[in-house]
PDB file of all heavy atoms in Angstrom:
ATOM      1  N   GLU A   1      14.362  36.328 -39.245  1.00  0.00           N
ATOM      2  CA  GLU A   1      15.459  35.711 -38.480  1.00  0.00           C
ATOM      3  C   GLU A   1      16.711  35.505 -39.346  1.00  0.00           C
ATOM      4  O   GLU A   1      17.780  35.736 -38.886  1.00  0.00           O
ATOM      5  CB  GLU A   1      14.989  34.396 -37.869  1.00  0.00           C
ATOM      6  CG  GLU A   1      13.876  34.543 -36.789  1.00  0.00           C
ATOM      7  CD  GLU A   1      13.361  33.199 -36.315  1.00  0.00           C
ATOM      8  OE1 GLU A   1      13.808  32.175 -36.877  1.00  0.00           O
ATOM      9  OE2 GLU A   1      12.534  33.195 -35.401  1.00  0.00           O
ATOM     10  N   ASP A   2      16.494  35.054 -40.567  1.00  0.00           N
ATOM     11  CA  ASP A   2      17.679  34.850 -41.449  1.00  0.00           C
ATOM     12  C   ASP A   2      18.352  36.202 -41.745  1.00  0.00           C
ATOM     13  O   ASP A   2      19.606  36.274 -41.760  1.00  0.00           O
ATOM     14  CB  ASP A   2      17.219  34.194 -42.747  1.00  0.00           C
ATOM     15  CG  ASP A   2      16.722  32.777 -42.535  1.00  0.00           C
ATOM     16  OD1 ASP A   2      17.060  32.221 -41.461  1.00  0.00           O
ATOM     17  OD2 ASP A   2      16.011  32.262 -43.418  1.00  0.00           O
ATOM     18  N   ALA A   3      17.526  37.243 -41.994  1.00  0.00           N
ATOM     19  CA  ALA A   3      18.149  38.560 -42.267  1.00  0.00           C
ATOM     20  C   ALA A   3      18.902  39.074 -41.018  1.00  0.00           C
ATOM     21  O   ALA A   3      19.980  39.642 -41.152  1.00  0.00           O
ATOM     22  CB  ALA A   3      17.043  39.550 -42.680  1.00  0.00           C
ATOM     23  N   ARG A   4      18.301  38.869 -39.840  1.00  0.00           N
ATOM     24  CA  ARG A   4      18.984  39.298 -38.605  1.00  0.00           C
ATOM     25  C   ARG A   4      20.295  38.509 -38.396  1.00  0.00           C
ATOM     26  O   ARG A   4      21.318  39.111 -38.023  1.00  0.00           O
ATOM     27  CB  ARG A   4      18.059  39.114 -37.391  1.00  0.00           C
ATOM     28  CG  ARG A   4      18.544  39.782 -36.143  1.00  0.00           C
ATOM     29  CD  ARG A   4      17.605  39.564 -34.975  1.00  0.00           C
ATOM     30  NE  ARG A   4      16.264  40.085 -35.327  1.00  0.00           N
ATOM     31  CZ  ARG A   4      15.194  39.322 -35.537  1.00  0.00           C
ATOM     32  NH1 ARG A   4      15.302  37.988 -35.440  1.00  0.00           N
ATOM     33  NH2 ARG A   4      14.020  39.872 -35.786  1.00  0.00           N
ATOM     34  N   ALA A   5      20.256  37.198 -38.636  1.00  0.00           N
ATOM     35  CA  ALA A   5      21.460  36.391 -38.484  1.00  0.00           C
ATOM     36  C   ALA A   5      22.556  36.799 -39.482  1.00  0.00           C
ATOM     37  O   ALA A   5      23.716  36.874 -39.149  1.00  0.00           O
ATOM     38  CB  ALA A   5      21.149  34.922 -38.635  1.00  0.00           C
ATOM     39  N   ALA A   6      22.128  37.094 -40.736  1.00  0.00           N
ATOM     40  CA  ALA A   6      23.128  37.543 -41.711  1.00  0.00           C
ATOM     41  C   ALA A   6      23.713  38.870 -41.360  1.00  0.00           C
ATOM     42  O   ALA A   6      24.927  39.112 -41.533  1.00  0.00           O
ATOM     43  CB  ALA A   6      22.431  37.621 -43.103  1.00  0.00           C
ATOM     44  N   LEU A   7      22.888  39.778 -40.793  1.00  0.00           N
ATOM     45  CA  LEU A   7      23.410  41.084 -40.384  1.00  0.00           C
ATOM     46  C   LEU A   7      24.413  40.937 -39.209  1.00  0.00           C
ATOM     47  O   LEU A   7      25.450  41.591 -39.188  1.00  0.00           O
ATOM     48  CB  LEU A   7      22.238  41.998 -39.958  1.00  0.00           C
ATOM     49  CG  LEU A   7      22.602  43.428 -39.546  1.00  0.00           C
ATOM     50  CD1 LEU A   7      23.326  44.153 -40.659  1.00  0.00           C
ATOM     51  CD2 LEU A   7      21.336  44.191 -39.138  1.00  0.00           C
ATOM     52  N   GLU A   8      24.085  40.054 -38.252  1.00  0.00           N
ATOM     53  CA  GLU A   8      25.006  39.860 -37.127  1.00  0.00           C
ATOM     54  C   GLU A   8      26.305  39.229 -37.590  1.00  0.00           C
ATOM     55  O   GLU A   8      27.393  39.582 -37.124  1.00  0.00           O
ATOM     56  CB  GLU A   8      24.334  38.991 -36.071  1.00  0.00           C
ATOM     57  CG  GLU A   8      23.157  39.648 -35.357  1.00  0.00           C
ATOM     58  CD  GLU A   8      22.473  38.698 -34.381  1.00  0.00           C
ATOM     59  OE1 GLU A   8      22.868  37.505 -34.358  1.00  0.00           O
ATOM     60  OE2 GLU A   8      21.535  39.129 -33.685  1.00  0.00           O
ATOM     61  N   ALA A   9      26.234  38.282 -38.535  1.00  0.00           N
ATOM     62  CA  ALA A   9      27.449  37.688 -39.075  1.00  0.00           C
ATOM     63  C   ALA A   9      28.293  38.717 -39.813  1.00  0.00           C
ATOM     64  O   ALA A   9      29.525  38.714 -39.687  1.00  0.00           O
ATOM     65  CB  ALA A   9      27.096  36.539 -39.992  1.00  0.00           C
ATOM     66  N   MET A  10      27.673  39.614 -40.522  1.00  0.00           N
ATOM     67  CA  MET A  10      28.401  40.672 -41.198  1.00  0.00           C
ATOM     68  C   MET A  10      29.107  41.596 -40.243  1.00  0.00           C
ATOM     69  O   MET A  10      30.266  41.981 -40.438  1.00  0.00           O
ATOM     70  CB  MET A  10      27.439  41.432 -42.130  1.00  0.00           C
ATOM     71  CG  MET A  10      28.113  42.420 -43.065  1.00  0.00           C
ATOM     72  SD  MET A  10      26.940  43.352 -44.032  1.00  0.00           S
ATOM     73  CE  MET A  10      26.135  41.971 -44.884  1.00  0.00           C
ATOM     74  N   ARG A  11      28.386  41.978 -39.145  1.00  0.00           N
ATOM     75  CA  ARG A  11      28.990  42.803 -38.153  1.00  0.00           C
ATOM     76  C   ARG A  11      30.149  42.135 -37.491  1.00  0.00           C
ATOM     77  O   ARG A  11      31.184  42.725 -37.215  1.00  0.00           O
ATOM     78  CB  ARG A  11      27.954  43.253 -37.132  1.00  0.00           C
ATOM     79  CG  ARG A  11      26.907  44.189 -37.655  1.00  0.00           C
ATOM     80  CD  ARG A  11      25.837  44.502 -36.644  1.00  0.00           C
ATOM     81  NE  ARG A  11      24.849  45.438 -37.123  1.00  0.00           N
ATOM     82  CZ  ARG A  11      23.774  45.818 -36.422  1.00  0.00           C
ATOM     83  NH1 ARG A  11      23.552  45.269 -35.237  1.00  0.00           N
ATOM     84  NH2 ARG A  11      22.914  46.642 -36.970  1.00  0.00           N
ATOM     85  N   ALA A  12      29.983  40.827 -37.151  1.00  0.00           N
ATOM     86  CA  ALA A  12      31.092  40.088 -36.536  1.00  0.00           C
ATOM     87  C   ALA A  12      32.305  40.045 -37.443  1.00  0.00           C
ATOM     88  O   ALA A  12      33.444  40.131 -37.004  1.00  0.00           O
ATOM     89  CB  ALA A  12      30.624  38.704 -36.138  1.00  0.00           C
ATOM     90  N   ALA A  13      32.101  39.861 -38.752  1.00  0.00           N
ATOM     91  CA  ALA A  13      33.162  39.777 -39.678  1.00  0.00           C
ATOM     92  C   ALA A  13      33.897  41.129 -39.768  1.00  0.00           C
ATOM     93  O   ALA A  13      35.125  41.222 -39.849  1.00  0.00           O
ATOM     94  CB  ALA A  13      32.700  39.353 -41.065  1.00  0.00           C
ATOM     95  N   GLU A  14      33.128  42.231 -39.750  1.00  0.00           N
ATOM     96  CA  GLU A  14      33.772  43.568 -39.784  1.00  0.00           C
ATOM     97  C   GLU A  14      34.543  43.831 -38.535  1.00  0.00           C
ATOM     98  O   GLU A  14      35.699  44.342 -38.581  1.00  0.00           O
ATOM     99  CB  GLU A  14      32.665  44.631 -39.942  1.00  0.00           C
ATOM    100  CG  GLU A  14      31.967  44.587 -41.305  1.00  0.00           C
ATOM    101  CD  GLU A  14      30.855  45.640 -41.375  1.00  0.00           C
ATOM    102  OE1 GLU A  14      30.572  46.301 -40.349  1.00  0.00           O
ATOM    103  OE2 GLU A  14      30.281  45.787 -42.491  1.00  0.00           O
ATOM    104  N   GLU A  15      34.041  43.403 -37.370  1.00  0.00           N
ATOM    105  CA  GLU A  15      34.800  43.593 -36.119  1.00  0.00           C
ATOM    106  C   GLU A  15      36.066  42.767 -36.117  1.00  0.00           C
ATOM    107  O   GLU A  15      37.130  43.211 -35.658  1.00  0.00           O
ATOM    108  CB  GLU A  15      33.930  43.244 -34.922  1.00  0.00           C
ATOM    109  CG  GLU A  15      32.743  44.184 -34.688  1.00  0.00           C
ATOM    110  CD  GLU A  15      31.884  43.752 -33.562  1.00  0.00           C
ATOM    111  OE1 GLU A  15      32.185  42.688 -32.941  1.00  0.00           O
ATOM    112  OE2 GLU A  15      30.915  44.480 -33.254  1.00  0.00           O
ATOM    113  N   ALA A  16      35.988  41.555 -36.636  1.00  0.00           N
ATOM    114  CA  ALA A  16      37.160  40.707 -36.712  1.00  0.00           C
ATOM    115  C   ALA A  16      38.215  41.276 -37.647  1.00  0.00           C
ATOM    116  O   ALA A  16      39.413  41.158 -37.420  1.00  0.00           O
ATOM    117  CB  ALA A  16      36.792  39.278 -37.167  1.00  0.00           C
ATOM    118  N   ALA A  17      37.761  41.938 -38.729  1.00  0.00           N
ATOM    119  CA  ALA A  17      38.696  42.537 -39.645  1.00  0.00           C
ATOM    120  C   ALA A  17      39.398  43.780 -39.041  1.00  0.00           C
ATOM    121  O   ALA A  17      40.562  44.077 -39.313  1.00  0.00           O
ATOM    122  CB  ALA A  17      37.981  42.954 -40.951  1.00  0.00           C
ATOM    123  N   ARG A  18      38.650  44.543 -38.203  1.00  0.00           N
ATOM    124  CA  ARG A  18      39.252  45.702 -37.537  1.00  0.00           C
ATOM    125  C   ARG A  18      40.206  45.295 -36.423  1.00  0.00           C
ATOM    126  O   ARG A  18      41.132  46.026 -36.094  1.00  0.00           O
ATOM    127  CB  ARG A  18      38.147  46.585 -36.971  1.00  0.00           C
ATOM    128  CG  ARG A  18      37.219  47.196 -38.013  1.00  0.00           C
ATOM    129  CD  ARG A  18      36.409  48.345 -37.416  1.00  0.00           C
ATOM    130  NE  ARG A  18      35.301  48.695 -38.277  1.00  0.00           N
ATOM    131  CZ  ARG A  18      34.069  48.312 -38.085  1.00  0.00           C
ATOM    132  NH1 ARG A  18      33.801  47.497 -37.033  1.00  0.00           N
ATOM    133  NH2 ARG A  18      33.095  48.651 -38.904  1.00  0.00           N
ATOM    134  N   ARG A  19      39.981  44.148 -35.762  1.00  0.00           N
ATOM    135  CA  ARG A  19      40.805  43.780 -34.608  1.00  0.00           C
ATOM    136  C   ARG A  19      42.206  43.386 -35.092  1.00  0.00           C
ATOM    137  O   ARG A  19      42.354  42.607 -36.036  1.00  0.00           O
ATOM    138  CB  ARG A  19      40.118  42.610 -33.932  1.00  0.00           C
ATOM    139  CG  ARG A  19      40.726  42.236 -32.559  1.00  0.00           C
ATOM    140  CD  ARG A  19      39.998  41.061 -31.943  1.00  0.00           C
ATOM    141  NE  ARG A  19      38.552  41.367 -31.925  1.00  0.00           N
ATOM    142  CZ  ARG A  19      37.604  40.441 -32.087  1.00  0.00           C
ATOM    143  NH1 ARG A  19      37.971  39.217 -32.347  1.00  0.00           N
ATOM    144  NH2 ARG A  19      36.341  40.788 -32.019  1.00  0.00           N
ATOM    145  N   PRO A  20      43.274  43.878 -34.436  1.00  0.00           N
ATOM    146  CA  PRO A  20      44.626  43.532 -34.856  1.00  0.00           C
ATOM    147  C   PRO A  20      44.921  42.078 -34.569  1.00  0.00           C
ATOM    148  O   PRO A  20      44.406  41.490 -33.586  1.00  0.00           O
ATOM    149  CB  PRO A  20      45.513  44.472 -33.988  1.00  0.00           C
ATOM    150  CG  PRO A  20      44.669  44.780 -32.780  1.00  0.00           C
ATOM    151  CD  PRO A  20      43.238  44.826 -33.299  1.00  0.00           C
ATOM    152  N   PRO A  21      45.699  41.401 -35.387  1.00  0.00           N
ATOM    153  CA  PRO A  21      46.040  39.992 -35.143  1.00  0.00           C
ATOM    154  C   PRO A  21      46.861  39.784 -33.886  1.00  0.00           C
ATOM    155  O   PRO A  21      47.754  40.584 -33.625  1.00  0.00           O
ATOM    156  CB  PRO A  21      46.769  39.565 -36.404  1.00  0.00           C
ATOM    157  CG  PRO A  21      47.367  40.859 -36.932  1.00  0.00           C
ATOM    158  CD  PRO A  21      46.390  41.938 -36.599  1.00  0.00           C
ATOM    159  N   THR A  22      46.529  38.773 -33.141  1.00  0.00           N
ATOM    160  CA  THR A  22      47.302  38.454 -31.930  1.00  0.00           C
ATOM    161  C   THR A  22      48.584  37.694 -32.325  1.00  0.00           C
ATOM    162  O   THR A  22      48.564  36.828 -33.159  1.00  0.00           O
ATOM    163  CB  THR A  22      46.436  37.590 -30.990  1.00  0.00           C
ATOM    164  OG1 THR A  22      46.075  36.408 -31.675  1.00  0.00           O
ATOM    165  CG2 THR A  22      45.200  38.306 -30.574  1.00  0.00           C
ATOM    166  N   PRO A  23      49.743  38.098 -31.662  1.00  0.00           N
ATOM    167  CA  PRO A  23      50.996  37.380 -32.007  1.00  0.00           C
ATOM    168  C   PRO A  23      50.957  35.927 -31.569  1.00  0.00           C
ATOM    169  O   PRO A  23      50.417  35.638 -30.528  1.00  0.00           O
ATOM    170  CB  PRO A  23      52.045  38.182 -31.256  1.00  0.00           C
ATOM    171  CG  PRO A  23      51.286  38.828 -30.133  1.00  0.00           C
ATOM    172  CD  PRO A  23      49.917  39.114 -30.661  1.00  0.00           C
ATOM    173  N   PRO A  24      51.478  35.032 -32.335  1.00  0.00           N
ATOM    174  CA  PRO A  24      51.489  33.638 -31.943  1.00  0.00           C
ATOM    175  C   PRO A  24      52.480  33.373 -30.807  1.00  0.00           C
ATOM    176  O   PRO A  24      53.382  34.121 -30.574  1.00  0.00           O
ATOM    177  CB  PRO A  24      51.887  32.879 -33.227  1.00  0.00           C
ATOM    178  CG  PRO A  24      52.719  33.880 -33.971  1.00  0.00           C
ATOM    179  CD  PRO A  24      52.123  35.221 -33.653  1.00  0.00           C
ATOM    180  N   GLU A  25      52.263  32.273 -30.151  1.00  0.00           N
ATOM    181  CA  GLU A  25      53.187  31.851 -29.040  1.00  0.00           C
ATOM    182  C   GLU A  25      54.515  31.430 -29.626  1.00  0.00           C
ATOM    183  O   GLU A  25      54.583  30.836 -30.715  1.00  0.00           O
ATOM    184  CB  GLU A  25      52.546  30.707 -28.267  1.00  0.00           C
ATOM    185  CG  GLU A  25      51.297  31.087 -27.504  1.00  0.00           C
ATOM    186  CD  GLU A  25      51.607  32.011 -26.364  1.00  0.00           C
ATOM    187  OE1 GLU A  25      52.780  31.945 -25.836  1.00  0.00           O
ATOM    188  OE2 GLU A  25      50.729  32.803 -25.974  1.00  0.00           O
ATOM    189  N   PRO A  26      55.631  31.738 -28.950  1.00  0.00           N
ATOM    190  CA  PRO A  26      56.956  31.314 -29.464  1.00  0.00           C
ATOM    191  C   PRO A  26      57.088  29.770 -29.419  1.00  0.00           C
ATOM    192  O   PRO A  26      56.530  29.095 -28.576  1.00  0.00           O
ATOM    193  CB  PRO A  26      57.944  31.966 -28.501  1.00  0.00           C
ATOM    194  CG  PRO A  26      57.131  32.177 -27.272  1.00  0.00           C
ATOM    195  CD  PRO A  26      55.732  32.468 -27.709  1.00  0.00           C
ATOM    196  N   THR A  27      57.813  29.277 -30.398  1.00  0.00           N
ATOM    197  CA  THR A  27      58.059  27.855 -30.473  1.00  0.00           C
ATOM    198  C   THR A  27      59.070  27.415 -29.414  1.00  0.00           C
ATOM    199  O   THR A  27      59.715  28.215 -28.747  1.00  0.00           O
ATOM    200  CB  THR A  27      58.539  27.464 -31.873  1.00  0.00           C
ATOM    201  OG1 THR A  27      59.764  28.136 -32.126  1.00  0.00           O
ATOM    202  CG2 THR A  27      57.511  27.911 -32.925  1.00  0.00           C
ATOM    203  N   ASN A  28      59.251  26.082 -29.329  1.00  0.00           N
ATOM    204  CA  ASN A  28      60.235  25.563 -28.358  1.00  0.00           C
ATOM    205  C   ASN A  28      61.644  25.979 -28.677  1.00  0.00           C
ATOM    206  O   ASN A  28      62.448  26.236 -27.794  1.00  0.00           O
ATOM    207  CB  ASN A  28      60.116  24.032 -28.301  1.00  0.00           C
ATOM    208  CG  ASN A  28      58.758  23.572 -27.789  1.00  0.00           C
ATOM    209  OD1 ASN A  28      58.137  24.276 -26.973  1.00  0.00           O
ATOM    210  ND2 ASN A  28      58.350  22.408 -28.232  1.00  0.00           N
ATOM    211  N   THR A  29      61.930  26.044 -29.990  1.00  0.00           N
ATOM    212  CA  THR A  29      63.303  26.471 -30.359  1.00  0.00           C
ATOM    213  C   THR A  29      63.550  27.913 -29.939  1.00  0.00           C
ATOM    214  O   THR A  29      64.655  28.257 -29.449  1.00  0.00           O
ATOM    215  CB  THR A  29      63.459  26.312 -31.879  1.00  0.00           C
ATOM    216  OG1 THR A  29      63.138  24.987 -32.264  1.00  0.00           O
ATOM    217  CG2 THR A  29      64.895  26.652 -32.310  1.00  0.00           C
ATOM    218  N   GLU A  30      62.536  28.761 -30.197  1.00  0.00           N
ATOM    219  CA  GLU A  30      62.705  30.152 -29.830  1.00  0.00           C
ATOM    220  C   GLU A  30      62.803  30.325 -28.285  1.00  0.00           C
ATOM    221  O   GLU A  30      63.535  31.152 -27.794  1.00  0.00           O
ATOM    222  CB  GLU A  30      61.536  30.985 -30.360  1.00  0.00           C
ATOM    223  CG  GLU A  30      61.529  31.054 -31.888  1.00  0.00           C
ATOM    224  CD  GLU A  30      60.284  31.685 -32.388  1.00  0.00           C
ATOM    225  OE1 GLU A  30      59.329  31.866 -31.623  1.00  0.00           O
ATOM    226  OE2 GLU A  30      60.212  32.013 -33.639  1.00  0.00           O
ATOM    227  N   ARG A  31      62.009  29.479 -27.578  1.00  0.00           N
ATOM    228  CA  ARG A  31      62.082  29.595 -26.081  1.00  0.00           C
ATOM    229  C   ARG A  31      63.454  29.116 -25.609  1.00  0.00           C
ATOM    230  O   ARG A  31      63.975  29.687 -24.627  1.00  0.00           O
ATOM    231  CB  ARG A  31      60.971  28.730 -25.520  1.00  0.00           C
ATOM    232  CG  ARG A  31      59.594  29.303 -25.660  1.00  0.00           C
ATOM    233  CD  ARG A  31      58.576  28.383 -25.151  1.00  0.00           C
ATOM    234  NE  ARG A  31      57.238  28.928 -25.292  1.00  0.00           N
ATOM    235  CZ  ARG A  31      56.093  28.261 -25.016  1.00  0.00           C
ATOM    236  NH1 ARG A  31      56.176  27.003 -24.620  1.00  0.00           N
ATOM    237  NH2 ARG A  31      54.935  28.866 -25.192  1.00  0.00           N
ATOM    238  N   SER A  32      64.012  28.079 -26.216  1.00  0.00           N
ATOM    239  CA  SER A  32      65.342  27.609 -25.756  1.00  0.00           C
ATOM    240  C   SER A  32      66.404  28.588 -26.055  1.00  0.00           C
ATOM    241  O   SER A  32      67.427  28.686 -25.389  1.00  0.00           O
ATOM    242  CB  SER A  32      65.650  26.280 -26.418  1.00  0.00           C
ATOM    243  OG  SER A  32      65.723  26.420 -27.836  1.00  0.00           O
ATOM    244  N   ALA A  33      66.218  29.425 -27.145  1.00  0.00           N
ATOM    245  CA  ALA A  33      67.228  30.428 -27.480  1.00  0.00           C
ATOM    246  C   ALA A  33      67.197  31.563 -26.503  1.00  0.00           C
ATOM    247  O   ALA A  33      68.190  32.347 -26.370  1.00  0.00           O
ATOM    248  CB  ALA A  33      67.006  30.957 -28.909  1.00  0.00           C
ATOM    249  N   LEU A  34      66.130  31.757 -25.780  1.00  0.00           N
ATOM    250  CA  LEU A  34      66.017  32.826 -24.834  1.00  0.00           C
ATOM    251  C   LEU A  34      66.470  32.305 -23.449  1.00  0.00           C
ATOM    252  O   LEU A  34      66.351  31.156 -23.136  1.00  0.00           O
ATOM    253  CB  LEU A  34      64.585  33.348 -24.762  1.00  0.00           C
ATOM    254  CG  LEU A  34      64.030  33.994 -26.022  1.00  0.00           C
ATOM    255  CD1 LEU A  34      62.570  34.279 -25.838  1.00  0.00           C
ATOM    256  CD2 LEU A  34      64.785  35.240 -26.389  1.00  0.00           C
ATOM    257  N   SER A  35      66.960  33.225 -22.624  1.00  0.00           N
ATOM    258  CA  SER A  35      67.270  32.839 -21.249  1.00  0.00           C
ATOM    259  C   SER A  35      66.008  32.705 -20.442  1.00  0.00           C
ATOM    260  O   SER A  35      64.984  33.194 -20.847  1.00  0.00           O
ATOM    261  CB  SER A  35      68.187  33.957 -20.669  1.00  0.00           C
ATOM    262  OG  SER A  35      67.520  35.165 -20.605  1.00  0.00           O
ATOM    263  N   PRO A  36      66.099  32.007 -19.327  1.00  0.00           N
ATOM    264  CA  PRO A  36      64.864  31.829 -18.544  1.00  0.00           C
ATOM    265  C   PRO A  36      64.235  33.107 -18.072  1.00  0.00           C
ATOM    266  O   PRO A  36      63.060  33.209 -17.889  1.00  0.00           O
ATOM    267  CB  PRO A  36      65.372  30.970 -17.346  1.00  0.00           C
ATOM    268  CG  PRO A  36      66.594  30.301 -17.836  1.00  0.00           C
ATOM    269  CD  PRO A  36      67.213  31.271 -18.792  1.00  0.00           C
ATOM    270  N   THR A  37      65.062  34.147 -17.880  1.00  0.00           N
ATOM    271  CA  THR A  37      64.491  35.425 -17.395  1.00  0.00           C
ATOM    272  C   THR A  37      64.068  36.332 -18.523  1.00  0.00           C
ATOM    273  O   THR A  37      63.387  37.298 -18.284  1.00  0.00           O
ATOM    274  CB  THR A  37      65.530  36.150 -16.562  1.00  0.00           C
ATOM    275  OG1 THR A  37      66.703  36.370 -17.343  1.00  0.00           O
ATOM    276  CG2 THR A  37      65.905  35.340 -15.322  1.00  0.00           C
ATOM    277  N   ASP A  38      64.481  35.949 -19.753  1.00  0.00           N
ATOM    278  CA  ASP A  38      64.123  36.839 -20.897  1.00  0.00           C
ATOM    279  C   ASP A  38      62.716  36.531 -21.345  1.00  0.00           C
ATOM    280  O   ASP A  38      62.200  35.420 -21.169  1.00  0.00           O
ATOM    281  CB  ASP A  38      65.095  36.638 -22.022  1.00  0.00           C
ATOM    282  CG  ASP A  38      66.460  37.177 -21.692  1.00  0.00           C
ATOM    283  OD1 ASP A  38      66.537  38.016 -20.776  1.00  0.00           O
ATOM    284  OD2 ASP A  38      67.433  36.758 -22.333  1.00  0.00           O
ATOM    285  N   SER A  39      62.098  37.487 -21.991  1.00  0.00           N
ATOM    286  CA  SER A  39      60.799  37.343 -22.592  1.00  0.00           C
ATOM    287  C   SER A  39      60.920  37.568 -24.079  1.00  0.00           C
ATOM    288  O   SER A  39      61.896  38.151 -24.522  1.00  0.00           O
ATOM    289  CB  SER A  39      59.803  38.317 -21.977  1.00  0.00           C
ATOM    290  OG  SER A  39      60.231  39.634 -22.210  1.00  0.00           O
TER     291      SER A  39
END
């Protein structure tokens, strides 16, 4: 069970490394600088 758990953790870490980082949400200042219709 420990070996299986270690293998699953290793696979999850590899998948997380391959996945591109998600862009963070804009801050309030950035949102205020944009118009209401702009993204």
